[in-house]
Amino acid sequence: MQAIATAGVTSFSVELMPRTTRAQSMDVLSSMGTIAGYHAVIIAADKLPRLFPMLTTAAGTITPARVFIIGAGVAGLQAIATARRLGAITSSYDMRPAVKEQVQSLGARFVELPSKQKMLRTPAATQKRRMNRFICASANC
């Protein structure tokens, strides 16, 4: 900061800018979230020992990668869009049911957990089976 002040640069901080529609072009959190979601999928694609898209070759067909994204905020939605553009089959979970439509509009499958109250009324063994089914369904076992 001292170097900026010494150079005579006029600057201002934008991290406290209100997150409204009118200030959207200056919204630092949304911009960084978008970059983080994109970057996360690119890193995952690099680390995965297979290719994201389905490929058909003379030797056979390579099935597309399956990507499960937890959280459908700004970063999560960007991650869904990036994974889909790379050819992966995507599914996502978010604790807010309101984002289901946004996830589906990007072409991903929205995975829903059973309601918490319903889980509390069932025996522990049943809860464990349901959780295992949820994890298996999200991973498309």
Protein backbone atom coordinates (compact mmCIF):
# COMPACT_ATOMS: atom_id res chain seq x y z
CA MET A 1 0.00 0.00 0.00
CA GLN A 2 2.88 2.34 0.80
CA ALA A 3 4.32 1.87 -2.70
CA ILE A 4 0.94 2.77 -4.24
CA ALA A 5 0.65 5.89 -2.08
CA THR A 6 4.25 6.93 -2.85
CA ALA A 7 3.64 6.57 -6.58
CA GLY A 8 0.64 8.90 -6.31
CA VAL A 9 -1.84 6.30 -7.56
CA THR A 10 -5.47 6.93 -6.69
CA SER A 11 -7.05 3.62 -5.68
CA PHE A 12 -10.10 2.41 -3.84
CA SER A 13 -11.21 -0.90 -2.40
CA VAL A 14 -14.18 -2.70 -3.93
CA GLU A 15 -14.59 -5.71 -1.64
CA LEU A 16 -17.24 -3.89 0.38
CA MET A 17 -19.24 -2.94 -2.71
CA PRO A 18 -22.90 -3.91 -2.23
CA ARG A 19 -23.89 -7.12 -4.04
CA THR A 20 -26.81 -5.66 -5.97
CA THR A 21 -27.82 -5.88 -9.60
CA ARG A 22 -26.66 -2.35 -10.33
CA ALA A 23 -23.22 -3.00 -8.82
CA GLN A 24 -22.82 -6.44 -10.41
CA SER A 25 -20.07 -5.33 -12.79
CA MET A 26 -17.95 -4.35 -9.76
CA ASP A 27 -18.78 -7.42 -7.65
CA VAL A 28 -15.39 -8.86 -6.70
CA LEU A 29 -16.81 -11.89 -4.86
CA SER A 30 -18.80 -13.10 -7.88
CA SER A 31 -15.83 -12.59 -10.19
CA MET A 32 -13.50 -14.53 -7.93
CA GLY A 33 -16.12 -17.24 -7.40
CA THR A 34 -16.48 -17.66 -11.14
CA ILE A 35 -12.73 -17.97 -11.58
CA ALA A 36 -12.48 -20.42 -8.66
CA GLY A 37 -15.19 -22.69 -10.10
CA TYR A 38 -13.58 -22.72 -13.54
CA HIS A 39 -10.11 -23.31 -12.14
CA ALA A 40 -11.27 -26.15 -9.86
CA VAL A 41 -12.63 -28.13 -12.80
CA ILE A 42 -9.53 -27.49 -14.92
CA ILE A 43 -7.33 -28.78 -12.07
CA ALA A 44 -9.62 -31.81 -11.60
CA ALA A 45 -9.49 -32.58 -15.32
CA ASP A 46 -5.71 -32.41 -15.22
CA LYS A 47 -5.45 -34.71 -12.18
CA LEU A 48 -8.03 -37.26 -13.38
CA PRO A 49 -6.31 -40.24 -15.02
CA ARG A 50 -8.91 -40.30 -17.82
CA LEU A 51 -10.54 -37.91 -20.26
CA PHE A 52 -13.71 -35.93 -19.53
CA PRO A 53 -15.61 -36.35 -22.83
CA MET A 54 -17.02 -39.52 -24.34
CA LEU A 55 -14.82 -40.61 -27.21
CA THR A 56 -15.51 -43.26 -29.80
CA THR A 57 -12.46 -44.70 -31.50
CA ALA A 58 -11.68 -47.75 -33.61
CA ALA A 59 -10.55 -49.45 -30.41
CA GLY A 60 -13.83 -48.80 -28.63
CA THR A 61 -15.76 -46.20 -26.68
CA ILE A 62 -14.43 -44.27 -23.71
CA THR A 63 -17.26 -43.35 -21.36
CA PRO A 64 -17.41 -39.75 -20.16
CA ALA A 65 -16.14 -38.81 -16.72
CA ARG A 66 -18.69 -38.26 -13.96
CA VAL A 67 -18.30 -35.07 -11.96
CA PHE A 68 -20.10 -34.42 -8.67
CA ILE A 69 -20.07 -30.79 -7.54
CA ILE A 70 -21.01 -29.94 -3.97
CA GLY A 71 -22.47 -26.46 -3.69
CA ALA A 72 -24.26 -24.53 -6.40
CA GLY A 73 -23.27 -20.98 -5.61
CA VAL A 74 -21.36 -18.83 -8.08
CA ALA A 75 -18.30 -21.12 -8.05
CA GLY A 76 -20.37 -24.31 -8.18
CA LEU A 77 -22.48 -23.15 -11.12
CA GLN A 78 -19.35 -22.15 -13.03
CA ALA A 79 -17.81 -25.54 -12.21
CA ILE A 80 -20.92 -27.28 -13.56
CA ALA A 81 -20.81 -25.26 -16.77
CA THR A 82 -17.09 -25.88 -17.26
CA ALA A 83 -17.34 -29.63 -16.60
CA ARG A 84 -20.26 -29.87 -19.05
CA ARG A 85 -18.31 -27.96 -21.71
CA LEU A 86 -15.45 -30.41 -21.24
CA GLY A 87 -17.89 -33.27 -21.87
CA ALA A 88 -18.37 -34.71 -18.38
CA ILE A 89 -21.64 -36.02 -16.97
CA THR A 90 -22.34 -33.69 -14.08
CA SER A 91 -24.47 -33.86 -10.98
CA SER A 92 -24.61 -31.44 -8.10
CA TYR A 93 -25.88 -31.06 -4.56
CA ASP A 94 -26.73 -27.93 -2.62
CA MET A 95 -28.57 -27.63 0.66
CA ARG A 96 -30.73 -24.86 -0.82
CA PRO A 97 -33.57 -26.44 -2.83
CA ALA A 98 -34.07 -23.13 -4.67
CA VAL A 99 -30.95 -23.70 -6.79
CA LYS A 100 -32.28 -26.95 -8.26
CA GLU A 101 -33.63 -25.12 -11.30
CA GLN A 102 -30.31 -23.32 -11.89
CA VAL A 103 -28.37 -26.59 -11.70
CA GLN A 104 -30.77 -28.29 -14.13
CA SER A 105 -30.67 -25.33 -16.52
CA LEU A 106 -26.93 -25.94 -16.91
CA GLY A 107 -27.58 -29.57 -17.81
CA ALA A 108 -26.55 -31.16 -14.53
CA ARG A 109 -28.59 -33.55 -12.42
CA PHE A 110 -29.61 -32.15 -9.03
CA VAL A 111 -29.13 -34.67 -6.21
CA GLU A 112 -31.47 -34.25 -3.25
CA LEU A 113 -30.93 -35.53 0.26
CA PRO A 114 -33.85 -36.95 2.20
CA SER A 115 -35.34 -34.38 4.57
CA LYS A 116 -33.69 -34.03 7.96
CA GLN A 117 -36.91 -34.58 9.92
CA LYS A 118 -37.66 -37.74 7.99
CA MET A 119 -34.14 -38.99 8.74
CA LEU A 120 -34.58 -38.31 12.47
CA ARG A 121 -37.71 -40.50 12.65
CA THR A 122 -36.02 -43.54 11.15
CA PRO A 123 -33.71 -46.05 12.88
CA ALA A 124 -29.94 -45.54 12.57
CA ALA A 125 -29.49 -48.59 10.32
CA THR A 126 -32.07 -47.23 7.87
CA GLN A 127 -30.39 -43.82 7.92
CA LYS A 128 -27.04 -45.44 7.10
CA ARG A 129 -28.56 -47.38 4.18
CA ARG A 130 -30.20 -44.21 2.85
CA MET A 131 -26.95 -42.27 3.11
CA ASN A 132 -25.09 -45.05 1.29
CA ARG A 133 -27.77 -45.02 -1.43
CA PHE A 134 -27.42 -41.23 -1.71
CA ILE A 135 -23.65 -41.44 -2.04
CA CYS A 136 -23.97 -44.25 -4.59
CA ALA A 137 -26.63 -42.33 -6.54
CA SER A 138 -24.51 -39.19 -6.61
CA ALA A 139 -21.55 -41.17 -7.90
CA ASN A 140 -23.80 -43.18 -10.28
CA CYS A 141 -22.55 -46.55 -8.95
